[in-house]
């Protein structure tokens, strides 16, 4: 089975799991209104995204759909790259199972918080890291830098992750 088909099947399975994942968070949590109302303690990226998506469809559901589609797309790209670059199947399966079986993790895709988008960007970061290690192409350093910048500007509390990634 080629990388596209394996990745698509795994993402499809993940999609069905998300449908049946118990909703452990409300769509609006305590911090959500800080993003929706664009409080001055928040960076501008997520509140701006919320405003754009609410302009398209004046319902918080559009944000949930965006979270899910973005995450599943990033998961597909990550899995496809992992299969193409011959990452050990046990490692891929372990990461996949740790994501799919974590109800708490899956719950973040159904709430108005930055976690879902941050997780998606982390998958893209890992994808570029795999490509950098396997292909040794400097363009992936640029992509990694952009991804880490987005992660940090979306969630300034991720400075620890960004710092460790830069040191790596």
N, C-alpha and C. Protein backbone atom coordinates (compact mmCIF):
# COMPACT_ATOMS: atom_id res chain seq x y z
N UNK A 1 0.85 -1.18 0.00
CA UNK A 1 0.00 0.00 0.00
C UNK A 1 0.90 1.24 0.00
N UNK A 2 0.58 2.21 -0.85
CA UNK A 2 1.46 3.38 -0.90
C UNK A 2 1.14 4.37 0.23
N UNK A 3 2.01 5.36 0.37
CA UNK A 3 1.91 6.31 1.49
C UNK A 3 0.61 7.10 1.47
N UNK A 4 0.13 7.48 0.28
CA UNK A 4 -1.12 8.25 0.18
C UNK A 4 -2.30 7.46 0.73
N UNK A 5 -2.39 6.21 0.31
CA UNK A 5 -3.53 5.39 0.72
C UNK A 5 -3.47 5.09 2.21
N UNK A 6 -2.30 4.69 2.72
CA UNK A 6 -2.16 4.41 4.15
C UNK A 6 -2.53 5.64 4.98
N UNK A 7 -2.03 6.78 4.57
CA UNK A 7 -2.29 8.02 5.31
C UNK A 7 -3.77 8.37 5.27
N UNK A 8 -4.38 8.24 4.09
CA UNK A 8 -5.80 8.54 3.95
C UNK A 8 -6.65 7.63 4.82
N UNK A 9 -6.34 6.34 4.83
CA UNK A 9 -7.10 5.38 5.63
C UNK A 9 -6.97 5.71 7.12
N UNK A 10 -5.75 6.02 7.57
CA UNK A 10 -5.55 6.35 8.98
C UNK A 10 -6.28 7.63 9.37
N UNK A 11 -6.28 8.62 8.49
CA UNK A 11 -7.00 9.87 8.76
C UNK A 11 -8.50 9.63 8.76
N UNK A 12 -8.97 8.78 7.87
CA UNK A 12 -10.39 8.44 7.84
C UNK A 12 -10.82 7.75 9.14
N UNK A 13 -10.00 6.82 9.62
CA UNK A 13 -10.28 6.16 10.90
C UNK A 13 -10.30 7.19 12.02
N UNK A 14 -9.33 8.10 12.00
CA UNK A 14 -9.27 9.15 13.02
C UNK A 14 -10.54 10.00 12.97
N UNK A 15 -11.02 10.30 11.77
CA UNK A 15 -12.24 11.11 11.62
C UNK A 15 -13.42 10.43 12.29
N UNK A 16 -13.55 9.13 12.09
CA UNK A 16 -14.66 8.40 12.72
C UNK A 16 -14.51 8.37 14.24
N UNK A 17 -13.29 8.24 14.71
CA UNK A 17 -13.05 8.26 16.16
C UNK A 17 -13.46 9.62 16.73
N UNK A 18 -13.13 10.70 16.02
CA UNK A 18 -13.50 12.04 16.49
C UNK A 18 -15.01 12.20 16.61
N UNK A 19 -15.75 11.58 15.70
CA UNK A 19 -17.21 11.67 15.76
C UNK A 19 -17.74 11.10 17.07
N UNK A 20 -17.11 10.03 17.54
CA UNK A 20 -17.59 9.34 18.73
C UNK A 20 -16.85 9.72 20.01
N UNK A 21 -15.88 10.62 19.90
CA UNK A 21 -15.15 11.05 21.09
C UNK A 21 -16.07 11.86 22.00
N UNK A 22 -16.13 11.51 23.26
CA UNK A 22 -16.97 12.30 24.19
C UNK A 22 -16.47 13.75 24.26
N UNK A 23 -17.37 14.67 24.33
CA UNK A 23 -17.03 16.09 24.42
C UNK A 23 -16.74 16.42 25.87
N UNK A 24 -15.47 16.51 26.21
CA UNK A 24 -15.11 16.76 27.59
C UNK A 24 -14.98 18.26 27.89
N UNK A 25 -14.97 19.08 26.84
CA UNK A 25 -14.92 20.53 27.01
C UNK A 25 -16.18 21.13 26.41
N UNK A 26 -16.58 22.27 26.96
CA UNK A 26 -17.65 23.04 26.34
C UNK A 26 -17.07 23.76 25.13
N UNK A 27 -17.92 24.14 24.21
CA UNK A 27 -17.43 24.86 23.03
C UNK A 27 -16.78 26.19 23.45
N UNK A 28 -17.31 26.80 24.50
CA UNK A 28 -16.71 28.00 25.07
C UNK A 28 -16.24 27.69 26.48
N UNK A 29 -14.95 27.65 26.65
CA UNK A 29 -14.34 27.45 27.97
C UNK A 29 -14.03 28.81 28.58
N UNK A 30 -13.47 28.81 29.79
CA UNK A 30 -13.18 30.08 30.48
C UNK A 30 -12.31 31.02 29.65
N UNK A 31 -11.27 30.48 29.00
CA UNK A 31 -10.37 31.31 28.22
C UNK A 31 -10.92 31.69 26.85
N UNK A 32 -11.96 31.02 26.41
CA UNK A 32 -12.47 31.22 25.04
C UNK A 32 -12.89 32.67 24.80
N UNK A 33 -13.57 33.26 25.75
CA UNK A 33 -14.08 34.62 25.55
C UNK A 33 -12.94 35.63 25.41
N UNK A 34 -11.78 35.32 25.97
CA UNK A 34 -10.62 36.18 25.78
C UNK A 34 -10.21 36.25 24.32
N UNK A 35 -10.43 35.16 23.60
CA UNK A 35 -10.13 35.13 22.16
C UNK A 35 -11.28 35.71 21.34
N UNK A 36 -12.50 35.32 21.69
CA UNK A 36 -13.68 35.78 20.94
C UNK A 36 -13.82 37.30 21.06
N UNK A 37 -13.63 37.85 22.27
CA UNK A 37 -13.76 39.29 22.48
C UNK A 37 -12.45 40.04 22.27
N UNK A 38 -11.40 39.33 21.91
CA UNK A 38 -10.08 39.91 21.61
C UNK A 38 -9.56 40.76 22.77
N UNK A 39 -9.43 40.13 23.94
CA UNK A 39 -8.87 40.83 25.10
C UNK A 39 -7.42 41.21 24.83
N UNK A 40 -6.98 42.27 25.46
CA UNK A 40 -5.64 42.78 25.19
C UNK A 40 -4.52 41.88 25.71
N UNK A 41 -4.84 40.85 26.47
CA UNK A 41 -3.79 39.92 26.92
C UNK A 41 -3.54 38.82 25.89
N UNK A 42 -4.30 38.80 24.80
CA UNK A 42 -4.18 37.78 23.76
C UNK A 42 -3.42 38.33 22.56
N UNK A 43 -2.67 37.44 21.90
CA UNK A 43 -2.06 37.84 20.64
C UNK A 43 -3.16 37.91 19.59
N UNK A 44 -2.88 38.55 18.48
CA UNK A 44 -3.94 38.87 17.52
C UNK A 44 -4.28 37.76 16.53
N UNK A 45 -3.46 36.75 16.39
CA UNK A 45 -3.69 35.76 15.34
C UNK A 45 -5.00 35.00 15.52
N UNK A 46 -5.21 34.39 16.67
CA UNK A 46 -6.41 33.58 16.85
C UNK A 46 -7.68 34.42 16.88
N UNK A 47 -7.72 35.55 17.59
CA UNK A 47 -8.93 36.38 17.52
C UNK A 47 -9.25 36.85 16.10
N UNK A 48 -8.23 37.15 15.31
CA UNK A 48 -8.46 37.55 13.93
C UNK A 48 -9.04 36.40 13.12
N UNK A 49 -8.49 35.20 13.31
CA UNK A 49 -9.02 34.02 12.64
C UNK A 49 -10.48 33.78 13.03
N UNK A 50 -10.78 33.95 14.31
CA UNK A 50 -12.17 33.79 14.78
C UNK A 50 -13.08 34.78 14.07
N UNK A 51 -12.66 36.04 14.00
CA UNK A 51 -13.49 37.05 13.34
C UNK A 51 -13.73 36.71 11.87
N UNK A 52 -12.69 36.25 11.18
CA UNK A 52 -12.83 35.89 9.76
C UNK A 52 -13.81 34.73 9.61
N UNK A 53 -13.64 33.70 10.41
CA UNK A 53 -14.51 32.53 10.30
C UNK A 53 -15.94 32.85 10.71
N UNK A 54 -16.12 33.68 11.72
CA UNK A 54 -17.47 34.07 12.12
C UNK A 54 -18.12 34.97 11.06
N UNK A 55 -17.32 35.69 10.31
CA UNK A 55 -17.85 36.49 9.21
C UNK A 55 -18.40 35.58 8.12
N UNK A 56 -17.70 34.47 7.88
CA UNK A 56 -18.13 33.50 6.87
C UNK A 56 -19.44 32.83 7.30
N UNK A 57 -19.52 32.44 8.57
CA UNK A 57 -20.70 31.77 9.09
C UNK A 57 -20.82 32.17 10.55
N UNK A 58 -21.84 32.88 10.90
CA UNK A 58 -21.99 33.44 12.24
C UNK A 58 -22.37 32.37 13.27
N UNK A 59 -21.54 31.34 13.36
CA UNK A 59 -21.76 30.26 14.32
C UNK A 59 -20.40 29.73 14.77
N UNK A 60 -20.31 29.39 16.04
CA UNK A 60 -19.06 28.83 16.54
C UNK A 60 -18.74 27.47 15.93
N UNK A 61 -19.74 26.84 15.35
CA UNK A 61 -19.51 25.54 14.71
C UNK A 61 -18.47 25.64 13.60
N UNK A 62 -18.44 26.76 12.90
CA UNK A 62 -17.47 26.91 11.81
C UNK A 62 -16.05 26.85 12.36
N UNK A 63 -15.83 27.32 13.58
CA UNK A 63 -14.51 27.25 14.20
C UNK A 63 -14.14 25.80 14.53
N UNK A 64 -15.12 25.04 14.97
CA UNK A 64 -14.89 23.63 15.29
C UNK A 64 -14.55 22.87 14.01
N UNK A 65 -15.32 23.10 12.95
CA UNK A 65 -15.04 22.45 11.68
C UNK A 65 -13.65 22.82 11.18
N UNK A 66 -13.29 24.08 11.33
CA UNK A 66 -11.96 24.53 10.92
C UNK A 66 -10.88 23.78 11.70
N UNK A 67 -11.04 23.71 13.03
CA UNK A 67 -10.08 22.98 13.87
C UNK A 67 -9.90 21.55 13.38
N UNK A 68 -11.01 20.89 13.14
CA UNK A 68 -10.97 19.47 12.76
C UNK A 68 -10.35 19.28 11.38
N UNK A 69 -10.78 20.08 10.41
CA UNK A 69 -10.24 19.94 9.05
C UNK A 69 -8.75 20.27 9.04
N UNK A 70 -8.35 21.31 9.75
CA UNK A 70 -6.93 21.66 9.81
C UNK A 70 -6.12 20.53 10.44
N UNK A 71 -6.60 20.02 11.56
CA UNK A 71 -5.86 18.96 12.24
C UNK A 71 -5.76 17.71 11.37
N UNK A 72 -6.87 17.28 10.78
CA UNK A 72 -6.85 16.08 9.95
C UNK A 72 -5.96 16.26 8.72
N UNK A 73 -5.95 17.46 8.16
CA UNK A 73 -5.07 17.75 7.01
C UNK A 73 -3.60 17.67 7.42
N UNK A 74 -3.28 18.25 8.56
CA UNK A 74 -1.90 18.21 9.06
C UNK A 74 -1.49 16.79 9.42
N UNK A 75 -2.42 16.03 9.99
CA UNK A 75 -2.14 14.64 10.31
C UNK A 75 -1.86 13.85 9.04
N UNK A 76 -2.64 14.08 8.00
CA UNK A 76 -2.42 13.41 6.72
C UNK A 76 -1.02 13.73 6.17
N UNK A 77 -0.67 15.00 6.17
CA UNK A 77 0.64 15.43 5.66
C UNK A 77 1.76 14.79 6.48
N UNK A 78 1.60 14.78 7.79
CA UNK A 78 2.60 14.17 8.66
C UNK A 78 2.74 12.67 8.38
N UNK A 79 1.61 11.96 8.33
CA UNK A 79 1.66 10.52 8.09
C UNK A 79 2.25 10.20 6.73
N UNK A 80 1.82 10.92 5.72
CA UNK A 80 2.32 10.70 4.35
C UNK A 80 3.83 10.90 4.30
N UNK A 81 4.30 11.96 4.88
CA UNK A 81 5.75 12.22 4.91
C UNK A 81 6.48 11.14 5.68
N UNK A 82 5.92 10.73 6.81
CA UNK A 82 6.55 9.68 7.63
C UNK A 82 6.67 8.37 6.86
N UNK A 83 5.62 8.01 6.14
CA UNK A 83 5.67 6.78 5.34
C UNK A 83 6.66 6.93 4.17
N UNK A 84 6.64 8.07 3.51
CA UNK A 84 7.53 8.29 2.36
C UNK A 84 9.00 8.32 2.77
N UNK A 85 9.28 8.86 3.94
CA UNK A 85 10.66 8.99 4.40
C UNK A 85 11.11 7.78 5.22
N UNK A 86 10.29 6.72 5.18
CA UNK A 86 10.62 5.44 5.81
C UNK A 86 10.91 5.54 7.31
N UNK A 87 10.09 6.32 7.99
CA UNK A 87 10.15 6.35 9.44
C UNK A 87 9.63 4.98 9.91
N UNK A 88 10.21 4.47 10.95
CA UNK A 88 9.83 3.16 11.47
C UNK A 88 8.32 3.10 11.71
N UNK A 89 7.68 2.06 11.17
CA UNK A 89 6.22 1.92 11.30
C UNK A 89 5.76 1.84 12.75
N UNK A 90 6.59 1.26 13.61
CA UNK A 90 6.24 1.19 15.03
C UNK A 90 6.17 2.61 15.63
N UNK A 91 7.08 3.46 15.23
CA UNK A 91 7.09 4.85 15.72
C UNK A 91 5.85 5.58 15.22
N UNK A 92 5.54 5.41 13.94
CA UNK A 92 4.35 6.07 13.37
C UNK A 92 3.09 5.58 14.08
N UNK A 93 2.97 4.28 14.22
CA UNK A 93 1.78 3.70 14.85
C UNK A 93 1.67 4.12 16.31
N UNK A 94 2.79 4.18 17.01
CA UNK A 94 2.78 4.60 18.42
C UNK A 94 2.28 6.03 18.55
N UNK A 95 2.79 6.92 17.71
CA UNK A 95 2.34 8.31 17.76
C UNK A 95 0.87 8.41 17.39
N UNK A 96 0.48 7.71 16.35
CA UNK A 96 -0.91 7.73 15.89
C UNK A 96 -1.85 7.23 16.99
N UNK A 97 -1.51 6.11 17.61
CA UNK A 97 -2.36 5.56 18.68
C UNK A 97 -2.40 6.48 19.90
N UNK A 98 -1.27 7.12 20.19
CA UNK A 98 -1.27 8.04 21.34
C UNK A 98 -2.18 9.24 21.08
N UNK A 99 -2.32 9.63 19.83
CA UNK A 99 -3.24 10.72 19.49
C UNK A 99 -4.69 10.25 19.48
N UNK A 100 -4.92 9.16 18.80
CA UNK A 100 -6.29 8.71 18.56
C UNK A 100 -6.98 8.21 19.84
N UNK A 101 -6.21 7.67 20.76
CA UNK A 101 -6.79 7.10 21.98
C UNK A 101 -6.87 8.08 23.13
N UNK A 102 -6.37 9.29 22.94
CA UNK A 102 -6.35 10.29 23.99
C UNK A 102 -7.61 11.16 23.90
N UNK A 103 -8.60 10.82 24.69
CA UNK A 103 -9.88 11.54 24.66
C UNK A 103 -9.69 13.01 25.04
N UNK A 104 -8.81 13.26 25.98
CA UNK A 104 -8.54 14.64 26.41
C UNK A 104 -7.98 15.45 25.24
N UNK A 105 -7.00 14.89 24.54
CA UNK A 105 -6.40 15.55 23.39
C UNK A 105 -7.45 15.81 22.32
N UNK A 106 -8.25 14.81 22.00
CA UNK A 106 -9.27 14.94 20.96
C UNK A 106 -10.33 15.97 21.34
N UNK A 107 -10.55 16.16 22.62
CA UNK A 107 -11.55 17.13 23.06
C UNK A 107 -11.21 18.57 22.69
N UNK A 108 -9.92 18.86 22.53
CA UNK A 108 -9.52 20.23 22.21
C UNK A 108 -9.96 20.67 20.82
N UNK A 109 -10.27 19.73 19.94
CA UNK A 109 -10.71 20.09 18.60
C UNK A 109 -12.14 20.63 18.61
N UNK A 110 -12.84 20.46 19.71
CA UNK A 110 -14.26 20.84 19.80
C UNK A 110 -14.50 22.03 20.71
N UNK A 111 -13.48 22.82 20.93
CA UNK A 111 -13.62 24.00 21.78
C UNK A 111 -12.89 25.18 21.15
N UNK A 112 -13.26 26.38 21.55
CA UNK A 112 -12.66 27.60 21.02
C UNK A 112 -11.45 27.96 21.88
N UNK A 113 -10.37 27.27 21.63
CA UNK A 113 -9.09 27.52 22.28
C UNK A 113 -7.99 27.30 21.23
N UNK A 114 -6.79 27.72 21.52
CA UNK A 114 -5.70 27.63 20.54
C UNK A 114 -5.05 26.25 20.48
N UNK A 115 -5.40 25.36 21.37
CA UNK A 115 -4.72 24.07 21.44
C UNK A 115 -4.81 23.27 20.14
N UNK A 116 -5.97 23.19 19.55
CA UNK A 116 -6.14 22.39 18.34
C UNK A 116 -5.23 22.88 17.22
N UNK A 117 -5.21 24.18 17.00
CA UNK A 117 -4.37 24.73 15.94
C UNK A 117 -2.89 24.55 16.30
N UNK A 118 -2.56 24.69 17.57
CA UNK A 118 -1.17 24.48 18.00
C UNK A 118 -0.73 23.05 17.74
N UNK A 119 -1.61 22.07 18.04
CA UNK A 119 -1.28 20.68 17.79
C UNK A 119 -1.08 20.45 16.29
N UNK A 120 -1.91 21.06 15.49
CA UNK A 120 -1.79 20.94 14.03
C UNK A 120 -0.44 21.48 13.56
N UNK A 121 -0.07 22.64 14.08
CA UNK A 121 1.21 23.23 13.71
C UNK A 121 2.38 22.39 14.21
N UNK A 122 2.23 21.74 15.35
CA UNK A 122 3.28 20.84 15.83
C UNK A 122 3.47 19.66 14.89
N UNK A 123 2.40 19.15 14.32
CA UNK A 123 2.52 18.08 13.33
C UNK A 123 3.24 18.57 12.08
N UNK A 124 2.96 19.80 11.67
CA UNK A 124 3.65 20.37 10.52
C UNK A 124 5.13 20.58 10.85
N UNK A 125 5.41 21.03 12.06
CA UNK A 125 6.80 21.17 12.50
C UNK A 125 7.52 19.83 12.40
N UNK A 126 6.91 18.77 12.92
CA UNK A 126 7.52 17.44 12.86
C UNK A 126 7.71 16.98 11.42
N UNK A 127 6.76 17.30 10.56
CA UNK A 127 6.87 16.96 9.14
C UNK A 127 8.10 17.62 8.52
N UNK A 128 8.27 18.90 8.75
CA UNK A 128 9.43 19.61 8.21
C UNK A 128 10.73 19.12 8.84
N UNK A 129 10.67 18.76 10.10
CA UNK A 129 11.86 18.24 10.77
C UNK A 129 12.28 16.91 10.14
N UNK A 130 11.32 16.04 9.89
CA UNK A 130 11.62 14.77 9.21
C UNK A 130 12.24 15.03 7.84
N UNK A 131 11.64 15.96 7.09
CA UNK A 131 12.16 16.27 5.76
C UNK A 131 13.56 16.86 5.84
N UNK A 132 13.81 17.71 6.83
CA UNK A 132 15.15 18.29 7.00
C UNK A 132 16.17 17.20 7.30
N UNK A 133 15.83 16.32 8.22
CA UNK A 133 16.77 15.25 8.60
C UNK A 133 17.01 14.29 7.45
N UNK A 134 15.98 13.94 6.72
CA UNK A 134 16.11 12.96 5.62
C UNK A 134 16.69 13.56 4.35
N UNK A 135 16.38 14.83 4.05
CA UNK A 135 16.78 15.42 2.77
C UNK A 135 17.92 16.44 2.89
N UNK A 136 18.17 16.95 4.09
CA UNK A 136 19.21 17.95 4.33
C UNK A 136 19.09 19.15 3.39
N UNK A 137 17.88 19.65 3.22
CA UNK A 137 17.64 20.81 2.37
C UNK A 137 17.37 22.02 3.26
N UNK A 138 18.10 23.10 3.02
CA UNK A 138 17.99 24.28 3.87
C UNK A 138 16.62 24.94 3.84
N UNK A 139 15.84 24.71 2.78
CA UNK A 139 14.52 25.33 2.73
C UNK A 139 13.65 24.86 3.89
N UNK A 140 13.92 23.65 4.38
CA UNK A 140 13.13 23.16 5.51
C UNK A 140 13.46 23.89 6.80
N UNK A 141 14.66 24.46 6.90
CA UNK A 141 14.97 25.32 8.05
C UNK A 141 14.09 26.56 8.04
N UNK A 142 13.84 27.10 6.86
CA UNK A 142 12.96 28.26 6.74
C UNK A 142 11.54 27.87 7.12
N UNK A 143 11.07 26.73 6.61
CA UNK A 143 9.71 26.27 6.93
C UNK A 143 9.56 25.99 8.43
N UNK A 144 10.59 25.40 9.02
CA UNK A 144 10.57 25.14 10.46
C UNK A 144 10.49 26.45 11.23
N UNK A 145 11.28 27.44 10.80
CA UNK A 145 11.27 28.74 11.47
C UNK A 145 9.91 29.41 11.39
N UNK A 146 9.29 29.34 10.22
CA UNK A 146 7.96 29.94 10.05
C UNK A 146 6.94 29.21 10.94
N UNK A 147 7.02 27.88 10.95
CA UNK A 147 6.08 27.10 11.77
C UNK A 147 6.26 27.41 13.25
N UNK A 148 7.50 27.45 13.71
CA UNK A 148 7.74 27.77 15.12
C UNK A 148 7.29 29.18 15.46
N UNK A 149 7.47 30.11 14.53
CA UNK A 149 6.99 31.48 14.75
C UNK A 149 5.48 31.52 14.88
N UNK A 150 4.79 30.77 14.03
CA UNK A 150 3.33 30.71 14.13
C UNK A 150 2.88 30.09 15.45
N UNK A 151 3.56 29.03 15.84
CA UNK A 151 3.22 28.38 17.12
C UNK A 151 3.39 29.38 18.26
N UNK A 152 4.50 30.10 18.26
CA UNK A 152 4.78 31.04 19.34
C UNK A 152 3.81 32.22 19.33
N UNK A 153 3.51 32.76 18.14
CA UNK A 153 2.61 33.92 18.10
C UNK A 153 1.17 33.52 18.40
N UNK A 154 0.83 32.27 18.14
CA UNK A 154 -0.50 31.78 18.47
C UNK A 154 -0.63 31.54 19.97
N UNK A 155 0.42 30.94 20.55
CA UNK A 155 0.43 30.61 21.98
C UNK A 155 1.78 31.01 22.57
N UNK A 156 1.91 32.21 23.08
CA UNK A 156 3.19 32.63 23.65
C UNK A 156 3.68 31.70 24.78
N UNK A 157 2.76 30.98 25.40
CA UNK A 157 3.17 30.05 26.46
C UNK A 157 3.96 28.86 25.90
N UNK A 158 4.00 28.72 24.59
CA UNK A 158 4.76 27.62 23.98
C UNK A 158 6.23 27.95 23.81
N UNK A 159 6.70 28.97 24.46
CA UNK A 159 8.11 29.38 24.34
C UNK A 159 9.06 28.24 24.69
N UNK A 160 8.69 27.40 25.64
CA UNK A 160 9.54 26.26 26.00
C UNK A 160 9.70 25.31 24.84
N UNK A 161 8.59 24.97 24.19
CA UNK A 161 8.63 24.09 23.03
C UNK A 161 9.47 24.70 21.91
N UNK A 162 9.24 25.98 21.64
CA UNK A 162 9.97 26.66 20.58
C UNK A 162 11.46 26.69 20.88
N UNK A 163 11.81 26.96 22.11
CA UNK A 163 13.22 27.02 22.51
C UNK A 163 13.89 25.66 22.34
N UNK A 164 13.23 24.61 22.80
CA UNK A 164 13.80 23.26 22.66
C UNK A 164 13.94 22.89 21.20
N UNK A 165 12.95 23.25 20.38
CA UNK A 165 13.00 22.95 18.96
C UNK A 165 14.15 23.69 18.29
N UNK A 166 14.37 24.94 18.67
CA UNK A 166 15.48 25.71 18.11
C UNK A 166 16.83 25.14 18.52
N UNK A 167 16.93 24.70 19.76
CA UNK A 167 18.18 24.10 20.23
C UNK A 167 18.45 22.80 19.47
N UNK A 168 17.39 22.04 19.21
CA UNK A 168 17.54 20.80 18.46
C UNK A 168 18.10 21.08 17.08
